Amino acid sequence: MSDQSLSPGQAFGRWLLHVIVFLVAGGVAAGVSALAYQAVAQTQTPLGIYAVIFAASGLIAYRQTERVLGTDA
């Protein structure tokens, strides 16, 4: 976080927001893609693909949240 003027409470609040955004966005994207994959392939989604989609989607949402909050370095 590049903004040095945040109080510890504000910094914790932003961190918590980033964590929640990462988890929700990653979970929704991975869940929807897993359901779509299972509907098309009629088999379970490989765990590795699920994990990659979760991480990538969460990271994208995290970066967008940084940009909206103005904390992008």
Protein backbone atom coordinates (compact mmCIF):
# COMPACT_ATOMS: atom_id res chain seq x y z
CA MET A 1 0.00 0.00 0.00
CA SER A 2 1.56 3.22 -1.12
CA ASP A 3 -0.51 5.66 0.96
CA GLN A 4 1.49 6.42 4.12
CA SER A 5 -1.22 8.65 5.64
CA LEU A 6 -3.57 5.82 6.62
CA SER A 7 -4.14 5.14 10.29
CA PRO A 8 -3.69 1.57 11.48
CA GLY A 9 -7.47 1.16 11.62
CA GLN A 10 -7.91 2.42 8.07
CA ALA A 11 -5.11 0.21 6.82
CA PHE A 12 -6.70 -2.81 8.51
CA GLY A 13 -10.08 -1.90 7.03
CA ARG A 14 -8.63 -1.71 3.53
CA TRP A 15 -6.78 -5.00 4.03
CA LEU A 16 -9.99 -6.65 5.20
CA LEU A 17 -11.86 -5.25 2.18
CA HIS A 18 -9.17 -6.61 -0.15
CA VAL A 19 -9.37 -10.06 1.46
CA ILE A 20 -13.16 -10.16 1.19
CA VAL A 21 -13.10 -8.99 -2.43
CA PHE A 22 -10.44 -11.59 -3.29
CA LEU A 23 -12.35 -14.44 -1.66
CA VAL A 24 -15.78 -13.55 -3.00
CA ALA A 25 -14.68 -12.79 -6.57
CA GLY A 26 -12.40 -15.82 -6.74
CA GLY A 27 -15.03 -18.12 -5.27
CA VAL A 28 -17.81 -16.94 -7.54
CA ALA A 29 -15.69 -17.14 -10.68
CA ALA A 30 -14.32 -20.57 -9.81
CA GLY A 31 -17.75 -21.87 -8.81
CA VAL A 32 -19.48 -20.65 -11.96
CA SER A 33 -16.74 -21.97 -14.21
CA ALA A 34 -16.76 -25.32 -12.38
CA LEU A 35 -20.52 -25.62 -12.85
CA ALA A 36 -20.20 -24.76 -16.54
CA TYR A 37 -17.37 -27.27 -16.99
CA GLN A 38 -19.35 -30.01 -15.26
CA ALA A 39 -22.43 -29.28 -17.37
CA VAL A 40 -20.47 -29.49 -20.62
CA ALA A 41 -17.98 -32.27 -19.82
CA GLN A 42 -20.25 -34.34 -17.55
CA THR A 43 -17.31 -34.83 -15.19
CA GLN A 44 -15.89 -33.06 -12.16
CA THR A 45 -13.63 -30.04 -12.60
CA PRO A 46 -9.97 -30.87 -11.98
CA LEU A 47 -8.87 -29.30 -8.70
CA GLY A 48 -5.88 -27.55 -10.28
CA ILE A 49 -8.02 -25.70 -12.80
CA TYR A 50 -10.42 -24.66 -10.04
CA ALA A 51 -7.51 -23.31 -7.98
CA VAL A 52 -6.02 -21.36 -10.91
CA ILE A 53 -9.36 -19.76 -11.78
CA PHE A 54 -9.94 -18.88 -8.12
CA ALA A 55 -6.51 -17.26 -7.77
CA ALA A 56 -6.58 -15.40 -11.09
CA SER A 57 -10.08 -14.02 -10.59
CA GLY A 58 -9.32 -13.02 -7.02
CA LEU A 59 -6.15 -11.24 -8.09
CA ILE A 60 -7.96 -9.35 -10.85
CA ALA A 61 -10.66 -8.24 -8.41
CA TYR A 62 -8.01 -7.22 -5.87
CA ARG A 63 -6.19 -5.10 -8.46
CA GLN A 64 -9.43 -3.44 -9.54
CA THR A 65 -10.25 -2.65 -5.91
CA GLU A 66 -6.80 -1.07 -5.47
CA ARG A 67 -7.39 1.11 -8.50
CA VAL A 68 -10.86 2.19 -7.32
CA LEU A 69 -9.54 3.04 -3.85
CA GLY A 70 -6.61 4.93 -5.33
CA THR A 71 -3.94 2.78 -3.65
CA ASP A 72 -2.31 1.60 -6.88
CA ALA A 73 1.38 2.51 -6.82
